[in-house]
Amino acid sequence: MSSNKVIHAIYNDDDVLMDAVHKTRAAHHHIEEIFTPFPVHGLDKAMGLAPTRLAICAFIYGCIGLTVATVMMNYIMITDWPQDIGGKPSFSYIQNMPAFVPVMFEMTVFFAAHLMVITFYMRSKLWPFKQAENPDVRTTDDHFLMEVAVHDNEAELVKFFEGTGAVEVKVIDKH
């Protein structure tokens, strides 16, 4: 059965790739994945991918960082070890908050940045020492590869992708 077969259509120009993506979606063929050597502007919209929710995560992570900074500074500077610095006693957090704003900002950015990287790697399943899943080494240099599922229409798909400007079309058994 051909359920594990895919077409690899290889392009050497990002504009030709974008046109091919539009034609492929218009013909109602399912694009499994696209491999590119650099980010192609508008490719995610052309593929019909849902917008990312990473910005929501960044906001939540920033709020966590701000909370940690506030609790940390209140405990360290007010509760645990209050100090009289430059004649300004530490009686309450609110009185000293202007001095704490840089630390609050930096902790917000620190938490957002680091937790976003961790979230991105987990979401993308990029673990340390993970084997690369790139099907063609040329996609790291100067070629673009579109992977499309084959459903008993192999000859039709090969002809279709040759007509979209692909420089090479291969049928691959995916395992």
N, C-alpha and C. Protein backbone atom coordinates (compact mmCIF):
# COMPACT_ATOMS: atom_id res chain seq x y z
N MET A 1 0.84 -1.19 0.00
CA MET A 1 0.00 0.00 0.00
C MET A 1 0.88 1.24 0.00
N SER A 2 0.41 2.32 -0.60
CA SER A 2 1.23 3.51 -0.77
C SER A 2 0.99 4.57 0.30
N SER A 3 0.49 4.19 1.46
CA SER A 3 0.17 5.17 2.49
C SER A 3 1.40 5.78 3.13
N ASN A 4 2.58 5.12 3.00
CA ASN A 4 3.78 5.68 3.59
C ASN A 4 4.69 6.32 2.55
N LYS A 5 4.17 6.54 1.35
CA LYS A 5 4.96 7.19 0.30
C LYS A 5 4.72 8.70 0.32
N VAL A 6 5.79 9.43 0.03
CA VAL A 6 5.69 10.88 -0.09
C VAL A 6 6.44 11.34 -1.33
N ILE A 7 6.03 12.48 -1.82
CA ILE A 7 6.72 13.12 -2.95
C ILE A 7 7.66 14.17 -2.37
N HIS A 8 8.90 14.20 -2.83
CA HIS A 8 9.83 15.26 -2.50
C HIS A 8 10.02 16.10 -3.75
N ALA A 9 9.42 17.27 -3.74
CA ALA A 9 9.58 18.22 -4.85
C ALA A 9 10.63 19.24 -4.43
N ILE A 10 11.71 19.34 -5.20
CA ILE A 10 12.83 20.21 -4.84
C ILE A 10 12.85 21.41 -5.77
N TYR A 11 12.98 22.59 -5.16
CA TYR A 11 12.99 23.87 -5.89
C TYR A 11 14.30 24.59 -5.59
N ASN A 12 14.71 25.46 -6.52
CA ASN A 12 15.94 26.21 -6.29
C ASN A 12 15.69 27.72 -6.15
N ASP A 13 14.42 28.11 -6.01
CA ASP A 13 14.09 29.53 -5.85
C ASP A 13 12.89 29.64 -4.91
N ASP A 14 12.96 30.56 -3.97
CA ASP A 14 11.88 30.68 -2.99
C ASP A 14 10.58 31.22 -3.60
N ASP A 15 10.68 32.05 -4.63
CA ASP A 15 9.46 32.55 -5.28
C ASP A 15 8.74 31.43 -6.03
N VAL A 16 9.51 30.55 -6.67
CA VAL A 16 8.92 29.40 -7.36
C VAL A 16 8.29 28.47 -6.33
N LEU A 17 8.95 28.30 -5.18
CA LEU A 17 8.40 27.49 -4.10
C LEU A 17 7.06 28.05 -3.62
N MET A 18 6.99 29.36 -3.42
CA MET A 18 5.74 29.97 -2.95
C MET A 18 4.62 29.76 -3.95
N ASP A 19 4.93 29.93 -5.24
CA ASP A 19 3.91 29.67 -6.27
C ASP A 19 3.46 28.21 -6.24
N ALA A 20 4.41 27.30 -6.06
CA ALA A 20 4.10 25.87 -6.00
C ALA A 20 3.24 25.55 -4.78
N VAL A 21 3.51 26.19 -3.66
CA VAL A 21 2.69 25.97 -2.45
C VAL A 21 1.26 26.42 -2.71
N HIS A 22 1.10 27.59 -3.34
CA HIS A 22 -0.25 28.08 -3.65
C HIS A 22 -0.97 27.11 -4.60
N LYS A 23 -0.27 26.63 -5.63
CA LYS A 23 -0.88 25.70 -6.58
C LYS A 23 -1.23 24.37 -5.90
N THR A 24 -0.34 23.91 -5.02
CA THR A 24 -0.56 22.63 -4.33
C THR A 24 -1.77 22.72 -3.41
N ARG A 25 -1.88 23.83 -2.68
CA ARG A 25 -3.04 24.00 -1.79
C ARG A 25 -4.33 24.16 -2.61
N ALA A 26 -4.24 24.85 -3.75
CA ALA A 26 -5.42 25.03 -4.60
C ALA A 26 -5.89 23.69 -5.18
N ALA A 27 -4.93 22.77 -5.41
CA ALA A 27 -5.26 21.44 -5.94
C ALA A 27 -5.66 20.47 -4.82
N HIS A 28 -5.70 20.95 -3.59
CA HIS A 28 -6.13 20.17 -2.41
C HIS A 28 -5.21 18.98 -2.11
N HIS A 29 -3.92 19.16 -2.33
CA HIS A 29 -2.94 18.15 -1.93
C HIS A 29 -2.41 18.54 -0.55
N HIS A 30 -2.18 17.54 0.30
CA HIS A 30 -1.74 17.81 1.67
C HIS A 30 -0.22 17.95 1.74
N ILE A 31 0.25 19.12 2.12
CA ILE A 31 1.68 19.37 2.30
C ILE A 31 2.07 18.89 3.70
N GLU A 32 2.95 17.90 3.74
CA GLU A 32 3.41 17.37 5.03
C GLU A 32 4.38 18.34 5.70
N GLU A 33 5.37 18.79 4.94
CA GLU A 33 6.43 19.63 5.51
C GLU A 33 7.16 20.34 4.38
N ILE A 34 7.77 21.48 4.71
CA ILE A 34 8.63 22.18 3.76
C ILE A 34 9.96 22.47 4.46
N PHE A 35 11.05 22.14 3.79
CA PHE A 35 12.40 22.36 4.33
C PHE A 35 13.04 23.47 3.51
N THR A 36 13.54 24.51 4.21
CA THR A 36 14.15 25.65 3.53
C THR A 36 15.48 25.99 4.20
N PRO A 37 16.43 26.55 3.44
CA PRO A 37 17.71 26.93 4.04
C PRO A 37 17.64 28.23 4.85
N PHE A 38 16.58 29.00 4.67
CA PHE A 38 16.37 30.24 5.42
C PHE A 38 14.88 30.49 5.55
N PRO A 39 14.44 31.30 6.51
CA PRO A 39 13.01 31.57 6.65
C PRO A 39 12.44 32.25 5.40
N VAL A 40 11.33 31.77 4.90
CA VAL A 40 10.68 32.35 3.73
C VAL A 40 9.45 33.11 4.21
N HIS A 41 9.45 34.41 4.00
CA HIS A 41 8.37 35.26 4.48
C HIS A 41 7.04 34.86 3.85
N GLY A 42 6.04 34.64 4.69
CA GLY A 42 4.70 34.32 4.22
C GLY A 42 4.45 32.84 3.95
N LEU A 43 5.46 32.00 4.14
CA LEU A 43 5.31 30.57 3.85
C LEU A 43 4.31 29.91 4.79
N ASP A 44 4.32 30.31 6.05
CA ASP A 44 3.39 29.72 7.02
C ASP A 44 1.94 30.02 6.66
N LYS A 45 1.68 31.23 6.20
CA LYS A 45 0.31 31.59 5.77
C LYS A 45 -0.07 30.86 4.49
N ALA A 46 0.90 30.75 3.57
CA ALA A 46 0.64 30.06 2.31
C ALA A 46 0.34 28.57 2.55
N MET A 47 0.98 27.98 3.55
CA MET A 47 0.75 26.58 3.87
C MET A 47 -0.55 26.38 4.64
N GLY A 48 -1.11 27.46 5.16
CA GLY A 48 -2.35 27.37 5.94
C GLY A 48 -2.12 26.95 7.38
N LEU A 49 -0.92 27.23 7.90
CA LEU A 49 -0.63 26.89 9.28
C LEU A 49 -1.32 27.87 10.23
N ALA A 50 -1.73 27.38 11.37
CA ALA A 50 -2.37 28.23 12.38
C ALA A 50 -1.31 29.17 12.98
N PRO A 51 -1.73 30.36 13.40
CA PRO A 51 -0.77 31.28 14.02
C PRO A 51 -0.19 30.67 15.30
N THR A 52 1.04 31.02 15.58
CA THR A 52 1.72 30.48 16.76
C THR A 52 1.19 31.12 18.04
N ARG A 53 1.23 30.34 19.12
CA ARG A 53 0.81 30.84 20.43
C ARG A 53 2.03 31.13 21.31
N LEU A 54 3.20 31.21 20.72
CA LEU A 54 4.41 31.45 21.50
C LEU A 54 4.40 32.83 22.16
N ALA A 55 3.74 33.81 21.54
CA ALA A 55 3.68 35.15 22.13
C ALA A 55 2.90 35.12 23.45
N ILE A 56 1.87 34.30 23.52
CA ILE A 56 1.11 34.16 24.77
C ILE A 56 2.01 33.56 25.84
N CYS A 57 2.79 32.56 25.46
CA CYS A 57 3.74 31.96 26.41
C CYS A 57 4.75 32.99 26.87
N ALA A 58 5.26 33.81 25.96
CA ALA A 58 6.24 34.84 26.33
C ALA A 58 5.65 35.80 27.37
N PHE A 59 4.40 36.20 27.19
CA PHE A 59 3.75 37.09 28.15
C PHE A 59 3.63 36.43 29.51
N ILE A 60 3.19 35.17 29.52
CA ILE A 60 3.04 34.44 30.79
C ILE A 60 4.40 34.28 31.47
N TYR A 61 5.44 33.93 30.69
CA TYR A 61 6.77 33.76 31.27
C TYR A 61 7.30 35.08 31.81
N GLY A 62 7.02 36.19 31.12
CA GLY A 62 7.42 37.51 31.63
C GLY A 62 6.72 37.83 32.93
N CYS A 63 5.44 37.50 33.03
CA CYS A 63 4.70 37.72 34.29
C CYS A 63 5.27 36.88 35.42
N ILE A 64 5.67 35.65 35.11
CA ILE A 64 6.30 34.79 36.13
C ILE A 64 7.62 35.42 36.59
N GLY A 65 8.41 35.93 35.64
CA GLY A 65 9.68 36.58 35.99
C GLY A 65 9.47 37.81 36.85
N LEU A 66 8.46 38.62 36.52
CA LEU A 66 8.15 39.81 37.31
C LEU A 66 7.72 39.42 38.73
N THR A 67 6.93 38.38 38.84
CA THR A 67 6.48 37.89 40.15
C THR A 67 7.65 37.37 40.97
N VAL A 68 8.51 36.57 40.36
CA VAL A 68 9.68 36.05 41.06
C VAL A 68 10.57 37.20 41.53
N ALA A 69 10.80 38.20 40.67
CA ALA A 69 11.63 39.35 41.04
C ALA A 69 11.03 40.11 42.22
N THR A 70 9.72 40.35 42.17
CA THR A 70 9.05 41.09 43.24
C THR A 70 9.13 40.33 44.56
N VAL A 71 8.80 39.06 44.54
CA VAL A 71 8.83 38.25 45.77
C VAL A 71 10.26 38.14 46.29
N MET A 72 11.20 37.91 45.38
CA MET A 72 12.61 37.78 45.77
C MET A 72 13.13 39.05 46.42
N MET A 73 12.90 40.20 45.80
CA MET A 73 13.40 41.46 46.35
C MET A 73 12.70 41.83 47.65
N ASN A 74 11.41 41.56 47.74
CA ASN A 74 10.69 41.85 48.98
C ASN A 74 11.26 41.00 50.11
N TYR A 75 11.50 39.74 49.85
CA TYR A 75 12.05 38.88 50.90
C TYR A 75 13.48 39.29 51.27
N ILE A 76 14.33 39.45 50.25
CA ILE A 76 15.75 39.73 50.51
C ILE A 76 15.95 41.12 51.12
N MET A 77 15.36 42.14 50.53
CA MET A 77 15.67 43.52 50.91
C MET A 77 14.77 44.07 52.02
N ILE A 78 13.60 43.50 52.22
CA ILE A 78 12.68 44.05 53.23
C ILE A 78 12.56 43.10 54.43
N THR A 79 12.30 41.83 54.18
CA THR A 79 12.02 40.89 55.26
C THR A 79 13.29 40.30 55.88
N ASP A 80 14.14 39.70 55.06
CA ASP A 80 15.27 38.92 55.57
C ASP A 80 16.43 39.79 56.06
N TRP A 81 16.85 40.74 55.27
CA TRP A 81 18.06 41.50 55.60
C TRP A 81 17.85 42.98 55.26
N PRO A 82 16.97 43.69 55.96
CA PRO A 82 16.74 45.11 55.65
C PRO A 82 18.00 45.94 55.94
N GLN A 83 18.30 46.86 55.05
CA GLN A 83 19.50 47.68 55.21
C GLN A 83 19.15 49.15 55.03
N ASP A 84 19.91 49.98 55.68
CA ASP A 84 19.78 51.43 55.52
C ASP A 84 20.85 51.86 54.52
N ILE A 85 20.45 52.04 53.27
CA ILE A 85 21.41 52.37 52.21
C ILE A 85 21.25 53.84 51.87
N GLY A 86 22.27 54.63 52.08
CA GLY A 86 22.24 56.05 51.75
C GLY A 86 21.17 56.81 52.53
N GLY A 87 20.90 56.41 53.74
CA GLY A 87 19.90 57.10 54.56
C GLY A 87 18.48 56.76 54.19
N LYS A 88 18.29 55.73 53.34
CA LYS A 88 16.94 55.33 52.93
C LYS A 88 16.63 53.97 53.56
N PRO A 89 15.92 53.96 54.67
CA PRO A 89 15.63 52.68 55.32
C PRO A 89 14.63 51.85 54.51
N SER A 90 14.70 50.55 54.65
CA SER A 90 13.83 49.63 53.93
C SER A 90 12.66 49.22 54.81
N PHE A 91 11.67 50.09 54.93
CA PHE A 91 10.50 49.77 55.74
C PHE A 91 9.43 49.02 54.95
N SER A 92 9.30 49.33 53.66
CA SER A 92 8.30 48.66 52.84
C SER A 92 8.79 48.55 51.39
N TYR A 93 8.23 47.61 50.71
CA TYR A 93 8.60 47.38 49.30
C TYR A 93 8.17 48.57 48.44
N ILE A 94 6.98 49.08 48.70
CA ILE A 94 6.44 50.19 47.88
C ILE A 94 7.34 51.42 47.96
N GLN A 95 7.86 51.74 49.15
CA GLN A 95 8.73 52.90 49.29
C GLN A 95 10.00 52.77 48.45
N ASN A 96 10.49 51.56 48.32
CA ASN A 96 11.75 51.33 47.63
C ASN A 96 11.59 50.85 46.18
N MET A 97 10.37 50.76 45.72
CA MET A 97 10.12 50.18 44.40
C MET A 97 10.86 50.87 43.26
N PRO A 98 11.00 52.21 43.23
CA PRO A 98 11.76 52.81 42.12
C PRO A 98 13.18 52.24 41.99
N ALA A 99 13.81 51.89 43.08
CA ALA A 99 15.16 51.31 43.02
C ALA A 99 15.12 49.88 42.49
N PHE A 100 13.97 49.21 42.62
CA PHE A 100 13.85 47.82 42.22
C PHE A 100 13.41 47.64 40.77
N VAL A 101 12.99 48.71 40.11
CA VAL A 101 12.46 48.60 38.74
C VAL A 101 13.46 47.97 37.76
N PRO A 102 14.75 48.35 37.77
CA PRO A 102 15.68 47.69 36.83
C PRO A 102 15.76 46.18 37.04
N VAL A 103 15.78 45.74 38.30
CA VAL A 103 15.86 44.31 38.57
C VAL A 103 14.57 43.63 38.11
N MET A 104 13.42 44.27 38.33
CA MET A 104 12.14 43.70 37.89
C MET A 104 12.13 43.55 36.37
N PHE A 105 12.61 44.57 35.66
CA PHE A 105 12.65 44.51 34.20
C PHE A 105 13.57 43.39 33.73
N GLU A 106 14.77 43.33 34.30
CA GLU A 106 15.73 42.32 33.86
C GLU A 106 15.24 40.90 34.13
N MET A 107 14.61 40.68 35.27
CA MET A 107 14.09 39.34 35.58
C MET A 107 12.94 38.97 34.65
N THR A 108 12.12 39.96 34.27
CA THR A 108 11.03 39.72 33.32
C THR A 108 11.61 39.25 31.98
N VAL A 109 12.60 39.96 31.48
CA VAL A 109 13.24 39.61 30.21
C VAL A 109 13.96 38.27 30.31
N PHE A 110 14.67 38.05 31.43
CA PHE A 110 15.42 36.81 31.62
C PHE A 110 14.50 35.59 31.59
N PHE A 111 13.41 35.66 32.36
CA PHE A 111 12.48 34.52 32.40
C PHE A 111 11.81 34.32 31.04
N ALA A 112 11.36 35.40 30.42
CA ALA A 112 10.68 35.27 29.13
C ALA A 112 11.62 34.64 28.10
N ALA A 113 12.85 35.13 28.02
CA ALA A 113 13.80 34.64 27.01
C ALA A 113 14.17 33.18 27.24
N HIS A 114 14.56 32.85 28.45
CA HIS A 114 15.03 31.49 28.70
C HIS A 114 13.90 30.46 28.64
N LEU A 115 12.75 30.78 29.19
CA LEU A 115 11.64 29.83 29.12
C LEU A 115 11.09 29.71 27.71
N MET A 116 11.19 30.77 26.91
CA MET A 116 10.77 30.69 25.50
C MET A 116 11.67 29.73 24.72
N VAL A 117 12.96 29.79 24.96
CA VAL A 117 13.89 28.88 24.28
C VAL A 117 13.56 27.43 24.65
N ILE A 118 13.35 27.19 25.94
CA ILE A 118 13.01 25.84 26.39
C ILE A 118 11.70 25.38 25.77
N THR A 119 10.70 26.26 25.76
CA THR A 119 9.40 25.93 25.17
C THR A 119 9.53 25.63 23.68
N PHE A 120 10.30 26.46 22.97
CA PHE A 120 10.49 26.25 21.54
C PHE A 120 11.12 24.89 21.26
N TYR A 121 12.18 24.55 22.00
CA TYR A 121 12.85 23.28 21.79
C TYR A 121 11.95 22.10 22.13
N MET A 122 11.17 22.22 23.21
CA MET A 122 10.26 21.13 23.58
C MET A 122 9.16 20.97 22.54
N ARG A 123 8.59 22.10 22.09
CA ARG A 123 7.51 22.07 21.11
C ARG A 123 7.99 21.53 19.77
N SER A 124 9.22 21.85 19.41
CA SER A 124 9.80 21.39 18.15
C SER A 124 10.43 20.01 18.26
N LYS A 125 10.43 19.45 19.46
CA LYS A 125 11.04 18.15 19.73
C LYS A 125 12.52 18.13 19.34
N LEU A 126 13.22 19.20 19.66
CA LEU A 126 14.65 19.30 19.41
C LEU A 126 15.40 19.03 20.70
N TRP A 127 15.67 17.76 20.96
CA TRP A 127 16.37 17.37 22.18
C TRP A 127 17.87 17.39 21.92
N PRO A 128 18.67 17.48 22.98
CA PRO A 128 20.12 17.37 22.78
C PRO A 128 20.47 16.03 22.14
N PHE A 129 21.39 16.04 21.21
CA PHE A 129 21.89 14.87 20.50
C PHE A 129 20.82 14.20 19.63
N LYS A 130 19.79 14.93 19.25
CA LYS A 130 18.73 14.37 18.40
C LYS A 130 19.26 14.23 16.97
N GLN A 131 18.91 13.13 16.35
CA GLN A 131 19.31 12.89 14.96
C GLN A 131 18.56 13.85 14.05
N ALA A 132 19.24 14.45 13.08
CA ALA A 132 18.62 15.38 12.15
C ALA A 132 17.58 14.67 11.29
N GLU A 133 16.47 15.34 11.00
CA GLU A 133 15.41 14.75 10.18
C GLU A 133 15.35 15.35 8.78
N ASN A 134 16.40 16.03 8.40
CA ASN A 134 16.44 16.69 7.11
C ASN A 134 16.55 15.65 6.00
N PRO A 135 15.58 15.59 5.07
CA PRO A 135 15.59 14.53 4.05
C PRO A 135 16.61 14.73 2.93
N ASP A 136 17.06 15.95 2.72
CA ASP A 136 18.00 16.22 1.64
C ASP A 136 18.98 17.29 2.11
N VAL A 137 20.26 16.98 2.06
CA VAL A 137 21.27 17.89 2.60
C VAL A 137 21.31 19.23 1.84
N ARG A 138 20.83 19.27 0.62
CA ARG A 138 20.84 20.52 -0.15
C ARG A 138 19.92 21.59 0.44
N THR A 139 18.95 21.18 1.27
CA THR A 139 18.04 22.17 1.86
C THR A 139 18.72 22.99 2.95
N THR A 140 19.92 22.64 3.34
CA THR A 140 20.67 23.46 4.29
C THR A 140 21.54 24.48 3.57
N ASP A 141 21.57 24.41 2.23
CA ASP A 141 22.44 25.29 1.46
C ASP A 141 21.65 26.21 0.53
N ASP A 142 21.03 25.66 -0.51
CA ASP A 142 20.42 26.53 -1.51
C ASP A 142 19.17 25.96 -2.18
N HIS A 143 18.61 24.86 -1.68
CA HIS A 143 17.41 24.27 -2.27
C HIS A 143 16.26 24.22 -1.27
N PHE A 144 15.06 24.13 -1.79
CA PHE A 144 13.84 24.07 -0.98
C PHE A 144 13.13 22.76 -1.30
N LEU A 145 12.62 22.08 -0.27
CA LEU A 145 11.99 20.78 -0.48
C LEU A 145 10.58 20.81 0.10
N MET A 146 9.63 20.42 -0.74
CA MET A 146 8.24 20.29 -0.29
C MET A 146 7.91 18.81 -0.26
N GLU A 147 7.40 18.36 0.90
CA GLU A 147 7.03 16.96 1.08
C GLU A 147 5.51 16.85 1.08
N VAL A 148 4.99 16.05 0.14
CA VAL A 148 3.55 15.91 -0.01
C VAL A 148 3.18 14.42 0.05
N ALA A 149 2.11 14.12 0.78
CA ALA A 149 1.66 12.74 0.92
C ALA A 149 1.11 12.20 -0.39
N VAL A 150 1.39 10.92 -0.66
CA VAL A 150 0.89 10.23 -1.86
C VAL A 150 -0.22 9.29 -1.43
N HIS A 151 -1.36 9.39 -2.11
CA HIS A 151 -2.51 8.50 -1.83
C HIS A 151 -2.97 7.86 -3.14
N ASP A 152 -2.23 6.87 -3.60
CA ASP A 152 -2.53 6.16 -4.84
C ASP A 152 -2.65 7.07 -6.06
N ASN A 153 -1.95 8.20 -6.04
CA ASN A 153 -1.97 9.13 -7.18
C ASN A 153 -0.55 9.57 -7.50
N GLU A 154 0.37 8.63 -7.46
CA GLU A 154 1.79 8.91 -7.63
C GLU A 154 2.11 9.56 -8.97
N ALA A 155 1.66 8.98 -10.06
CA ALA A 155 1.97 9.51 -11.40
C ALA A 155 1.39 10.91 -11.57
N GLU A 156 0.17 11.11 -11.10
CA GLU A 156 -0.48 12.42 -11.20
C GLU A 156 0.30 13.47 -10.42
N LEU A 157 0.75 13.11 -9.22
CA LEU A 157 1.50 14.06 -8.40
C LEU A 157 2.86 14.40 -9.01
N VAL A 158 3.55 13.40 -9.53
CA VAL A 158 4.86 13.66 -10.15
C VAL A 158 4.70 14.64 -11.31
N LYS A 159 3.70 14.41 -12.15
CA LYS A 159 3.45 15.32 -13.28
C LYS A 159 3.07 16.71 -12.79
N PHE A 160 2.23 16.77 -11.75
CA PHE A 160 1.79 18.04 -11.19
C PHE A 160 2.98 18.86 -10.69
N PHE A 161 3.88 18.22 -9.92
CA PHE A 161 5.01 18.97 -9.35
C PHE A 161 6.06 19.32 -10.38
N GLU A 162 6.20 18.52 -11.41
CA GLU A 162 7.10 18.91 -12.51
C GLU A 162 6.57 20.16 -13.19
N GLY A 163 5.25 20.30 -13.23
CA GLY A 163 4.63 21.49 -13.82
C GLY A 163 4.69 22.72 -12.95
N THR A 164 5.02 22.56 -11.66
CA THR A 164 5.10 23.73 -10.77
C THR A 164 6.48 24.36 -10.75
N GLY A 165 7.41 23.81 -11.50
CA GLY A 165 8.74 24.39 -11.57
C GLY A 165 9.77 23.68 -10.70
N ALA A 166 9.44 22.48 -10.24
CA ALA A 166 10.40 21.73 -9.42
C ALA A 166 11.57 21.29 -10.28
N VAL A 167 12.78 21.42 -9.75
CA VAL A 167 13.97 20.99 -10.48
C VAL A 167 14.18 19.48 -10.35
N GLU A 168 13.53 18.88 -9.34
CA GLU A 168 13.65 17.45 -9.12
C GLU A 168 12.41 16.98 -8.35
N VAL A 169 11.85 15.84 -8.79
CA VAL A 169 10.70 15.26 -8.10
C VAL A 169 11.01 13.79 -7.84
N LYS A 170 10.94 13.39 -6.55
CA LYS A 170 11.25 12.01 -6.18
C LYS A 170 10.09 11.45 -5.36
N VAL A 171 9.83 10.15 -5.56
CA VAL A 171 8.87 9.45 -4.71
C VAL A 171 9.69 8.66 -3.69
N ILE A 172 9.38 8.89 -2.42
CA ILE A 172 10.17 8.30 -1.32
C ILE A 172 9.27 7.44 -0.45
N ASP A 173 9.78 6.28 -0.04
CA ASP A 173 9.09 5.46 0.97
C ASP A 173 9.54 5.97 2.33
N LYS A 174 8.60 6.52 3.07
CA LYS A 174 8.92 7.03 4.40
C LYS A 174 8.75 5.91 5.42
N HIS A 175 9.70 5.78 6.32
CA HIS A 175 9.61 4.73 7.32
C HIS A 175 9.41 5.27 8.69
